[in-house]
Amino acid sequence: IPVHKDHPYCINLFNTDYLTNLSALDTDKLSADLAAA
């Protein structure tokens, strides 16, 4: 199920390819979130 363009913020995904191969880790998001924590 795609994330609607009007609500791109609604769910935390750790894959950038969540609709296809499920193998590309979103390292930028994870490292930024952990730094914020």
Full PDB file with SEQRES, HELIX, SHEET, SSBOND, CRYST1, ORIGX, SCALE, CONECT and MASTER records, all heavy atoms in Angstrom:
SEQRES   1 A   37  ILE PRO VAL HIS LYS ASP HIS PRO TYR CYS ILE ASN LEU          
SEQRES   2 A   37  PHE ASN THR ASP TYR LEU THR ASN LEU SER ALA LEU ASP          
SEQRES   3 A   37  THR ASP LYS LEU SER ALA ASP LEU ALA ALA ALA                  
HELIX    1 AA1 THR A   27  ALA A   36  1                                  10    
CRYST1    1.000    1.000    1.000  90.00  90.00  90.00 P 1           1          
ORIGX1      1.000000  0.000000  0.000000        0.00000                         
ORIGX2      0.000000  1.000000  0.000000        0.00000                         
ORIGX3      0.000000  0.000000  1.000000        0.00000                         
SCALE1      1.000000  0.000000  0.000000        0.00000                         
SCALE2      0.000000  1.000000  0.000000        0.00000                         
SCALE3      0.000000  0.000000  1.000000        0.00000                         
ATOM      1  N   ILE A   1       0.861  -1.185   0.000  1.00  0.00           N  
ATOM      2  CA  ILE A   1       0.000   0.000   0.000  1.00  0.00           C  
ATOM      3  C   ILE A   1       0.899   1.237   0.000  1.00  0.00           C  
ATOM      4  O   ILE A   1       1.687   1.437   0.921  1.00  0.00           O  
ATOM      5  CB  ILE A   1      -0.914   0.028   1.243  1.00  0.00           C  
ATOM      6  CG1 ILE A   1      -1.779  -1.237   1.292  1.00  0.00           C  
ATOM      7  CG2 ILE A   1      -1.777   1.287   1.238  1.00  0.00           C  
ATOM      8  CD1 ILE A   1      -2.574  -1.375   2.578  1.00  0.00           C  
ATOM      9  N   PRO A   2       0.798   2.090  -1.019  1.00  0.00           N  
ATOM     10  CA  PRO A   2       1.681   3.261  -1.055  1.00  0.00           C  
ATOM     11  C   PRO A   2       1.285   4.310  -0.015  1.00  0.00           C  
ATOM     12  O   PRO A   2       0.102   4.447   0.333  1.00  0.00           O  
ATOM     13  CB  PRO A   2       1.490   3.798  -2.481  1.00  0.00           C  
ATOM     14  CG  PRO A   2       0.147   3.313  -2.898  1.00  0.00           C  
ATOM     15  CD  PRO A   2      -0.075   1.997  -2.212  1.00  0.00           C  
ATOM     16  N   VAL A   3       2.267   4.995   0.484  1.00  0.00           N  
ATOM     17  CA  VAL A   3       2.015   6.133   1.365  1.00  0.00           C  
ATOM     18  C   VAL A   3       1.498   7.284   0.509  1.00  0.00           C  
ATOM     19  O   VAL A   3       2.144   7.669  -0.476  1.00  0.00           O  
ATOM     20  CB  VAL A   3       3.296   6.539   2.112  1.00  0.00           C  
ATOM     21  CG1 VAL A   3       3.047   7.783   2.954  1.00  0.00           C  
ATOM     22  CG2 VAL A   3       3.786   5.392   2.994  1.00  0.00           C  
ATOM     23  N   HIS A   4       0.343   7.827   0.870  1.00  0.00           N  
ATOM     24  CA  HIS A   4      -0.268   8.881   0.074  1.00  0.00           C  
ATOM     25  C   HIS A   4       0.615  10.119   0.065  1.00  0.00           C  
ATOM     26  O   HIS A   4       1.207  10.487   1.077  1.00  0.00           O  
ATOM     27  CB  HIS A   4      -1.656   9.223   0.624  1.00  0.00           C  
ATOM     28  CG  HIS A   4      -2.512   9.992  -0.334  1.00  0.00           C  
ATOM     29  ND1 HIS A   4      -2.395  11.367  -0.516  1.00  0.00           N  
ATOM     30  CD2 HIS A   4      -3.501   9.588  -1.189  1.00  0.00           C  
ATOM     31  CE1 HIS A   4      -3.256  11.778  -1.419  1.00  0.00           C  
ATOM     32  NE2 HIS A   4      -3.948  10.711  -1.846  1.00  0.00           N  
ATOM     33  N   LYS A   5       0.663  10.766  -1.110  1.00  0.00           N  
ATOM     34  CA  LYS A   5       1.531  11.929  -1.263  1.00  0.00           C  
ATOM     35  C   LYS A   5       1.147  13.073  -0.337  1.00  0.00           C  
ATOM     36  O   LYS A   5       1.980  13.928  -0.024  1.00  0.00           O  
ATOM     37  CB  LYS A   5       1.495  12.393  -2.715  1.00  0.00           C  
ATOM     38  CG  LYS A   5       0.124  12.901  -3.180  1.00  0.00           C  
ATOM     39  CD  LYS A   5       0.158  13.365  -4.629  1.00  0.00           C  
ATOM     40  CE  LYS A   5      -1.200  13.911  -5.055  1.00  0.00           C  
ATOM     41  NZ  LYS A   5      -1.177  14.392  -6.461  1.00  0.00           N  
ATOM     42  N   ASP A   6      -0.121  13.120   0.088  1.00  0.00           N  
ATOM     43  CA  ASP A   6      -0.550  14.180   1.008  1.00  0.00           C  
ATOM     44  C   ASP A   6      -0.117  13.918   2.447  1.00  0.00           C  
ATOM     45  O   ASP A   6      -0.184  14.829   3.283  1.00  0.00           O  
ATOM     46  CB  ASP A   6      -2.072  14.339   0.968  1.00  0.00           C  
ATOM     47  CG  ASP A   6      -2.576  14.901  -0.354  1.00  0.00           C  
ATOM     48  OD1 ASP A   6      -1.769  15.499  -1.094  1.00  0.00           O  
ATOM     49  OD2 ASP A   6      -3.777  14.723  -0.642  1.00  0.00           O  
ATOM     50  N   HIS A   7       0.296  12.690   2.742  1.00  0.00           N  
ATOM     51  CA  HIS A   7       0.674  12.324   4.108  1.00  0.00           C  
ATOM     52  C   HIS A   7       1.987  11.540   4.102  1.00  0.00           C  
ATOM     53  O   HIS A   7       2.058  10.426   4.647  1.00  0.00           O  
ATOM     54  CB  HIS A   7      -0.434  11.502   4.768  1.00  0.00           C  
ATOM     55  CG  HIS A   7      -1.804  12.090   4.646  1.00  0.00           C  
ATOM     56  ND1 HIS A   7      -2.188  13.228   5.340  1.00  0.00           N  
ATOM     57  CD2 HIS A   7      -2.872  11.711   3.883  1.00  0.00           C  
ATOM     58  CE1 HIS A   7      -3.439  13.527   5.028  1.00  0.00           C  
ATOM     59  NE2 HIS A   7      -3.878  12.626   4.150  1.00  0.00           N  
ATOM     60  N   PRO A   8       3.053  12.086   3.546  1.00  0.00           N  
ATOM     61  CA  PRO A   8       4.319  11.337   3.446  1.00  0.00           C  
ATOM     62  C   PRO A   8       4.953  11.048   4.795  1.00  0.00           C  
ATOM     63  O   PRO A   8       5.822  10.196   4.919  1.00  0.00           O  
ATOM     64  CB  PRO A   8       5.211  12.266   2.609  1.00  0.00           C  
ATOM     65  CG  PRO A   8       4.651  13.641   2.871  1.00  0.00           C  
ATOM     66  CD  PRO A   8       3.175  13.448   3.009  1.00  0.00           C  
ATOM     67  N   TYR A   9       4.499  11.742   5.805  1.00  0.00           N  
ATOM     68  CA  TYR A   9       5.049  11.652   7.155  1.00  0.00           C  
ATOM     69  C   TYR A   9       4.398  10.565   8.010  1.00  0.00           C  
ATOM     70  O   TYR A   9       4.800  10.335   9.145  1.00  0.00           O  
ATOM     71  CB  TYR A   9       4.830  12.989   7.871  1.00  0.00           C  
ATOM     72  CG  TYR A   9       3.411  13.522   7.688  1.00  0.00           C  
ATOM     73  CD1 TYR A   9       2.327  12.974   8.368  1.00  0.00           C  
ATOM     74  CD2 TYR A   9       3.159  14.550   6.788  1.00  0.00           C  
ATOM     75  CE1 TYR A   9       1.041  13.434   8.172  1.00  0.00           C  
ATOM     76  CE2 TYR A   9       1.864  15.017   6.573  1.00  0.00           C  
ATOM     77  CZ  TYR A   9       0.813  14.457   7.282  1.00  0.00           C  
ATOM     78  OH  TYR A   9      -0.479  14.914   7.081  1.00  0.00           O  
ATOM     79  N   CYS A  10       3.349   9.890   7.503  1.00  0.00           N  
ATOM     80  CA  CYS A  10       2.467   9.132   8.377  1.00  0.00           C  
ATOM     81  C   CYS A  10       3.088   7.861   8.956  1.00  0.00           C  
ATOM     82  O   CYS A  10       2.602   7.357   9.970  1.00  0.00           O  
ATOM     83  CB  CYS A  10       1.149   8.806   7.672  1.00  0.00           C  
ATOM     84  SG  CYS A  10       1.277   7.616   6.327  1.00  0.00           S  
ATOM     85  N   ILE A  11       4.135   7.305   8.337  1.00  0.00           N  
ATOM     86  CA  ILE A  11       4.703   6.053   8.827  1.00  0.00           C  
ATOM     87  C   ILE A  11       6.214   6.043   8.658  1.00  0.00           C  
ATOM     88  O   ILE A  11       6.739   6.525   7.651  1.00  0.00           O  
ATOM     89  CB  ILE A  11       4.054   4.842   8.103  1.00  0.00           C  
ATOM     90  CG1 ILE A  11       4.521   3.525   8.728  1.00  0.00           C  
ATOM     91  CG2 ILE A  11       4.327   4.886   6.605  1.00  0.00           C  
ATOM     92  CD1 ILE A  11       3.646   2.342   8.307  1.00  0.00           C  
ATOM     93  N   ASN A  12       6.922   5.492   9.658  1.00  0.00           N  
ATOM     94  CA  ASN A  12       8.380   5.402   9.625  1.00  0.00           C  
ATOM     95  C   ASN A  12       8.803   4.122   8.901  1.00  0.00           C  
ATOM     96  O   ASN A  12       8.628   3.017   9.419  1.00  0.00           O  
ATOM     97  CB  ASN A  12       8.957   5.390  11.040  1.00  0.00           C  
ATOM     98  CG  ASN A  12       8.861   6.730  11.725  1.00  0.00           C  
ATOM     99  OD1 ASN A  12       8.550   7.747  11.107  1.00  0.00           O  
ATOM    100  ND2 ASN A  12       9.118   6.749  13.026  1.00  0.00           N  
ATOM    101  N   LEU A  13       9.352   4.279   7.704  1.00  0.00           N  
ATOM    102  CA  LEU A  13       9.835   3.170   6.895  1.00  0.00           C  
ATOM    103  C   LEU A  13      11.353   3.143   6.931  1.00  0.00           C  
ATOM    104  O   LEU A  13      11.979   4.197   6.783  1.00  0.00           O  
ATOM    105  CB  LEU A  13       9.348   3.310   5.461  1.00  0.00           C  
ATOM    106  CG  LEU A  13       7.821   3.298   5.270  1.00  0.00           C  
ATOM    107  CD1 LEU A  13       7.444   3.907   3.928  1.00  0.00           C  
ATOM    108  CD2 LEU A  13       7.308   1.862   5.360  1.00  0.00           C  
ATOM    109  N   PHE A  14      11.950   1.962   7.107  1.00  0.00           N  
ATOM    110  CA  PHE A  14      13.410   1.922   7.098  1.00  0.00           C  
ATOM    111  C   PHE A  14      13.978   1.499   5.743  1.00  0.00           C  
ATOM    112  O   PHE A  14      15.190   1.495   5.570  1.00  0.00           O  
ATOM    113  CB  PHE A  14      13.956   1.033   8.214  1.00  0.00           C  
ATOM    114  CG  PHE A  14      13.651  -0.435   8.115  1.00  0.00           C  
ATOM    115  CD1 PHE A  14      14.345  -1.262   7.231  1.00  0.00           C  
ATOM    116  CD2 PHE A  14      12.704  -1.017   8.932  1.00  0.00           C  
ATOM    117  CE1 PHE A  14      14.083  -2.620   7.159  1.00  0.00           C  
ATOM    118  CE2 PHE A  14      12.424  -2.380   8.856  1.00  0.00           C  
ATOM    119  CZ  PHE A  14      13.123  -3.185   7.965  1.00  0.00           C  
ATOM    120  N   ASN A  15      13.109   1.156   4.783  1.00  0.00           N  
ATOM    121  CA  ASN A  15      13.542   0.871   3.418  1.00  0.00           C  
ATOM    122  C   ASN A  15      13.121   2.004   2.487  1.00  0.00           C  
ATOM    123  O   ASN A  15      11.975   2.465   2.550  1.00  0.00           O  
ATOM    124  CB  ASN A  15      12.927  -0.432   2.899  1.00  0.00           C  
ATOM    125  CG  ASN A  15      13.503  -1.662   3.554  1.00  0.00           C  
ATOM    126  OD1 ASN A  15      14.712  -1.793   3.713  1.00  0.00           O  
ATOM    127  ND2 ASN A  15      12.635  -2.592   3.936  1.00  0.00           N  
ATOM    128  N   THR A  16      14.018   2.417   1.615  1.00  0.00           N  
ATOM    129  CA  THR A  16      13.636   3.393   0.599  1.00  0.00           C  
ATOM    130  C   THR A  16      12.853   2.732  -0.531  1.00  0.00           C  
ATOM    131  O   THR A  16      12.135   3.405  -1.265  1.00  0.00           O  
ATOM    132  CB  THR A  16      14.871   4.097   0.021  1.00  0.00           C  
ATOM    133  OG1 THR A  16      15.763   3.118  -0.529  1.00  0.00           O  
ATOM    134  CG2 THR A  16      15.604   4.880   1.108  1.00  0.00           C  
ATOM    135  N   ASP A  17      12.969   1.410  -0.676  1.00  0.00           N  
ATOM    136  CA  ASP A  17      12.277   0.669  -1.725  1.00  0.00           C  
ATOM    137  C   ASP A  17      11.158  -0.198  -1.129  1.00  0.00           C  
ATOM    138  O   ASP A  17      11.003  -1.370  -1.476  1.00  0.00           O  
ATOM    139  CB  ASP A  17      13.262  -0.191  -2.523  1.00  0.00           C  
ATOM    140  CG  ASP A  17      14.020  -1.199  -1.666  1.00  0.00           C  
ATOM    141  OD1 ASP A  17      13.959  -1.093  -0.409  1.00  0.00           O  
ATOM    142  OD2 ASP A  17      14.666  -2.126  -2.233  1.00  0.00           O  
ATOM    143  N   TYR A  18      10.362   0.384  -0.263  1.00  0.00           N  
ATOM    144  CA  TYR A  18       9.369  -0.386   0.494  1.00  0.00           C  
ATOM    145  C   TYR A  18       8.268  -0.981  -0.385  1.00  0.00           C  
ATOM    146  O   TYR A  18       7.536  -1.878   0.059  1.00  0.00           O  
ATOM    147  CB  TYR A  18       8.761   0.488   1.591  1.00  0.00           C  
ATOM    148  CG  TYR A  18       7.737   1.504   1.113  1.00  0.00           C  
ATOM    149  CD1 TYR A  18       6.378   1.264   1.224  1.00  0.00           C  
ATOM    150  CD2 TYR A  18       8.124   2.715   0.557  1.00  0.00           C  
ATOM    151  CE1 TYR A  18       5.433   2.185   0.802  1.00  0.00           C  
ATOM    152  CE2 TYR A  18       7.197   3.647   0.126  1.00  0.00           C  
ATOM    153  CZ  TYR A  18       5.840   3.379   0.250  1.00  0.00           C  
ATOM    154  OH  TYR A  18       4.913   4.303  -0.167  1.00  0.00           O  
ATOM    155  N   LEU A  19       8.103  -0.514  -1.632  1.00  0.00           N  
ATOM    156  CA  LEU A  19       7.089  -1.045  -2.529  1.00  0.00           C  
ATOM    157  C   LEU A  19       7.640  -2.098  -3.492  1.00  0.00           C  
ATOM    158  O   LEU A  19       6.868  -2.702  -4.244  1.00  0.00           O  
ATOM    159  CB  LEU A  19       6.431   0.072  -3.326  1.00  0.00           C  
ATOM    160  CG  LEU A  19       5.588   1.072  -2.531  1.00  0.00           C  
ATOM    161  CD1 LEU A  19       5.068   2.189  -3.438  1.00  0.00           C  
ATOM    162  CD2 LEU A  19       4.419   0.381  -1.844  1.00  0.00           C  
ATOM    163  N   THR A  20       8.958  -2.333  -3.438  1.00  0.00           N  
ATOM    164  CA  THR A  20       9.551  -3.254  -4.410  1.00  0.00           C  
ATOM    165  C   THR A  20      10.421  -4.309  -3.729  1.00  0.00           C  
ATOM    166  O   THR A  20       9.918  -5.310  -3.231  1.00  0.00           O  
ATOM    167  CB  THR A  20      10.360  -2.477  -5.463  1.00  0.00           C  
ATOM    168  OG1 THR A  20      11.340  -1.640  -4.796  1.00  0.00           O  
ATOM    169  CG2 THR A  20       9.433  -1.599  -6.305  1.00  0.00           C  
ATOM    170  N   ASN A  21      11.710  -4.107  -3.684  1.00  0.00           N  
ATOM    171  CA  ASN A  21      12.643  -5.151  -3.282  1.00  0.00           C  
ATOM    172  C   ASN A  21      12.860  -5.294  -1.781  1.00  0.00           C  
ATOM    173  O   ASN A  21      13.373  -6.308  -1.312  1.00  0.00           O  
ATOM    174  CB  ASN A  21      14.011  -4.926  -3.950  1.00  0.00           C  
ATOM    175  CG  ASN A  21      13.945  -5.030  -5.449  1.00  0.00           C  
ATOM    176  OD1 ASN A  21      13.138  -5.789  -5.994  1.00  0.00           O  
ATOM    177  ND2 ASN A  21      14.780  -4.253  -6.145  1.00  0.00           N  
ATOM    178  N   LEU A  22      12.520  -4.265  -0.993  1.00  0.00           N  
ATOM    179  CA  LEU A  22      12.649  -4.298   0.471  1.00  0.00           C  
ATOM    180  C   LEU A  22      14.079  -4.609   0.910  1.00  0.00           C  
ATOM    181  O   LEU A  22      14.315  -5.367   1.845  1.00  0.00           O  
ATOM    182  CB  LEU A  22      11.704  -5.348   1.067  1.00  0.00           C  
ATOM    183  CG  LEU A  22      10.225  -5.226   0.698  1.00  0.00           C  
ATOM    184  CD1 LEU A  22       9.439  -6.417   1.228  1.00  0.00           C  
ATOM    185  CD2 LEU A  22       9.650  -3.921   1.241  1.00  0.00           C  
ATOM    186  N   SER A  23      15.054  -3.977   0.252  1.00  0.00           N  
ATOM    187  CA  SER A  23      16.451  -4.282   0.566  1.00  0.00           C  
ATOM    188  C   SER A  23      17.354  -3.060   0.634  1.00  0.00           C  
ATOM    189  O   SER A  23      18.551  -3.199   0.909  1.00  0.00           O  
ATOM    190  CB  SER A  23      17.024  -5.253  -0.479  1.00  0.00           C  
ATOM    191  OG  SER A  23      16.942  -4.685  -1.785  1.00  0.00           O  
ATOM    192  N   ALA A  24      16.815  -1.860   0.367  1.00  0.00           N  
ATOM    193  CA  ALA A  24      17.619  -0.643   0.373  1.00  0.00           C  
ATOM    194  C   ALA A  24      17.405   0.107   1.687  1.00  0.00           C  
ATOM    195  O   ALA A  24      16.386   0.779   1.876  1.00  0.00           O  
ATOM    196  CB  ALA A  24      17.284   0.249  -0.818  1.00  0.00           C  
ATOM    197  N   LEU A  25      18.341  -0.030   2.608  1.00  0.00           N  
ATOM    198  CA  LEU A  25      18.221   0.564   3.935  1.00  0.00           C  
ATOM    199  C   LEU A  25      18.326   2.086   3.851  1.00  0.00           C  
ATOM    200  O   LEU A  25      19.238   2.620   3.227  1.00  0.00           O  
ATOM    201  CB  LEU A  25      19.314  -0.001   4.837  1.00  0.00           C  
ATOM    202  CG  LEU A  25      19.226   0.331   6.329  1.00  0.00           C  
ATOM    203  CD1 LEU A  25      17.965  -0.263   6.938  1.00  0.00           C  
ATOM    204  CD2 LEU A  25      20.468  -0.200   7.061  1.00  0.00           C  
ATOM    205  N   ASP A  26      17.392   2.769   4.476  1.00  0.00           N  
ATOM    206  CA  ASP A  26      17.397   4.229   4.507  1.00  0.00           C  
ATOM    207  C   ASP A  26      18.343   4.681   5.624  1.00  0.00           C  
ATOM    208  O   ASP A  26      17.918   5.067   6.716  1.00  0.00           O  
ATOM    209  CB  ASP A  26      15.983   4.762   4.731  1.00  0.00           C  
ATOM    210  CG  ASP A  26      15.871   6.269   4.452  1.00  0.00           C  
ATOM    211  OD1 ASP A  26      16.922   6.949   4.416  1.00  0.00           O  
ATOM    212  OD2 ASP A  26      14.729   6.755   4.295  1.00  0.00           O  
ATOM    213  N   THR A  27      19.629   4.649   5.316  1.00  0.00           N  
ATOM    214  CA  THR A  27      20.636   4.964   6.329  1.00  0.00           C  
ATOM    215  C   THR A  27      20.582   6.423   6.761  1.00  0.00           C  
ATOM    216  O   THR A  27      20.870   6.736   7.922  1.00  0.00           O  
ATOM    217  CB  THR A  27      22.043   4.620   5.813  1.00  0.00           C  
ATOM    218  OG1 THR A  27      22.280   5.322   4.580  1.00  0.00           O  
ATOM    219  CG2 THR A  27      22.182   3.109   5.566  1.00  0.00           C  
ATOM    220  N   ASP A  28      20.206   7.300   5.842  1.00  0.00           N  
ATOM    221  CA  ASP A  28      20.129   8.719   6.196  1.00  0.00           C  
ATOM    222  C   ASP A  28      19.063   8.961   7.258  1.00  0.00           C  
ATOM    223  O   ASP A  28      19.302   9.674   8.245  1.00  0.00           O  
ATOM    224  CB  ASP A  28      19.831   9.570   4.960  1.00  0.00           C  
ATOM    225  CG  ASP A  28      21.004   9.633   3.986  1.00  0.00           C  
ATOM    226  OD1 ASP A  28      22.149   9.341   4.412  1.00  0.00           O  
ATOM    227  OD2 ASP A  28      20.774   9.976   2.805  1.00  0.00           O  
ATOM    228  N   LYS A  29      17.880   8.369   7.048  1.00  0.00           N  
ATOM    229  CA  LYS A  29      16.800   8.566   8.016  1.00  0.00           C  
ATOM    230  C   LYS A  29      17.151   7.947   9.363  1.00  0.00           C  
ATOM    231  O   LYS A  29      16.985   8.579  10.408  1.00  0.00           O  
ATOM    232  CB  LYS A  29      15.498   7.951   7.502  1.00  0.00           C  
ATOM    233  CG  LYS A  29      14.359   8.041   8.519  1.00  0.00           C  
ATOM    234  CD  LYS A  29      13.047   7.546   7.981  1.00  0.00           C  
ATOM    235  CE  LYS A  29      11.947   7.586   9.040  1.00  0.00           C  
ATOM    236  NZ  LYS A  29      11.783   8.936   9.645  1.00  0.00           N  
ATOM    237  N   LEU A  30      17.641   6.710   9.345  1.00  0.00           N  
ATOM    238  CA  LEU A  30      17.937   6.026  10.597  1.00  0.00           C  
ATOM    239  C   LEU A  30      19.019   6.752  11.389  1.00  0.00           C  
ATOM    240  O   LEU A  30      18.900   6.937  12.601  1.00  0.00           O  
ATOM    241  CB  LEU A  30      18.355   4.582  10.327  1.00  0.00           C  
ATOM    242  CG  LEU A  30      17.260   3.647   9.798  1.00  0.00           C  
ATOM    243  CD1 LEU A  30      17.833   2.286   9.445  1.00  0.00           C  
ATOM    244  CD2 LEU A  30      16.134   3.502  10.810  1.00  0.00           C  
ATOM    245  N   SER A  31      20.087   7.171  10.729  1.00  0.00           N  
ATOM    246  CA  SER A  31      21.174   7.850  11.444  1.00  0.00           C  
ATOM    247  C   SER A  31      20.712   9.204  11.980  1.00  0.00           C  
ATOM    248  O   SER A  31      21.076   9.593  13.098  1.00  0.00           O  
ATOM    249  CB  SER A  31      22.395   8.008  10.532  1.00  0.00           C  
ATOM    250  OG  SER A  31      22.082   8.743   9.356  1.00  0.00           O  
ATOM    251  N   ALA A  32      19.873   9.923  11.214  1.00  0.00           N  
ATOM    252  CA  ALA A  32      19.366  11.213  11.679  1.00  0.00           C  
ATOM    253  C   ALA A  32      18.442  11.026  12.883  1.00  0.00           C  
ATOM    254  O   ALA A  32      18.513  11.790  13.857  1.00  0.00           O  
ATOM    255  CB  ALA A  32      18.633  11.930  10.552  1.00  0.00           C  
ATOM    256  N   ASP A  33      17.575  10.026  12.824  1.00  0.00           N  
ATOM    257  CA  ASP A  33      16.654   9.775  13.939  1.00  0.00           C  
ATOM    258  C   ASP A  33      17.412   9.366  15.204  1.00  0.00           C  
ATOM    259  O   ASP A  33      17.093   9.814  16.318  1.00  0.00           O  
ATOM    260  CB  ASP A  33      15.657   8.685  13.568  1.00  0.00           C  
ATOM    261  CG  ASP A  33      14.636   9.142  12.543  1.00  0.00           C  
ATOM    262  OD1 ASP A  33      14.608  10.350  12.210  1.00  0.00           O  
ATOM    263  OD2 ASP A  33      13.862   8.284  12.057  1.00  0.00           O  
ATOM    264  N   LEU A  34      18.419   8.516  15.047  1.00  0.00           N  
ATOM    265  CA  LEU A  34      19.198   8.092  16.213  1.00  0.00           C  
ATOM    266  C   LEU A  34      19.997   9.261  16.796  1.00  0.00           C  
ATOM    267  O   LEU A  34      20.157   9.364  18.015  1.00  0.00           O  
ATOM    268  CB  LEU A  34      20.129   6.941  15.836  1.00  0.00           C  
ATOM    269  CG  LEU A  34      19.416   5.591  15.648  1.00  0.00           C  
ATOM    270  CD1 LEU A  34      20.299   4.607  14.894  1.00  0.00           C  
ATOM    271  CD2 LEU A  34      19.008   5.006  16.993  1.00  0.00           C  
ATOM    272  N   ALA A  35      20.479  10.153  15.925  1.00  0.00           N  
ATOM    273  CA  ALA A  35      21.173  11.346  16.418  1.00  0.00           C  
ATOM    274  C   ALA A  35      20.215  12.237  17.201  1.00  0.00           C  
ATOM    275  O   ALA A  35      20.580  12.810  18.237  1.00  0.00           O  
ATOM    276  CB  ALA A  35      21.790  12.107  15.251  1.00  0.00           C  
ATOM    277  N   ALA A  36      18.976  12.372  16.711  1.00  0.00           N  
ATOM    278  CA  ALA A  36      17.967  13.160  17.428  1.00  0.00           C  
ATOM    279  C   ALA A  36      17.649  12.538  18.782  1.00  0.00           C  
ATOM    280  O   ALA A  36      17.466  13.248  19.777  1.00  0.00           O  
ATOM    281  CB  ALA A  36      16.697  13.273  16.582  1.00  0.00           C  
ATOM    282  N   ALA A  37      17.594  11.205  18.826  1.00  0.00           N  
ATOM    283  CA  ALA A  37      17.358  10.523  20.100  1.00  0.00           C  
ATOM    284  C   ALA A  37      18.515  10.757  21.063  1.00  0.00           C  
ATOM    285  O   ALA A  37      18.305  11.008  22.255  1.00  0.00           O  
ATOM    286  CB  ALA A  37      17.152   9.027  19.865  1.00  0.00           C  
TER     287      ALA A  37                                                      
MASTER        0    0    0    1    0    0    0    6  286    1    0    3          
END                                                                             
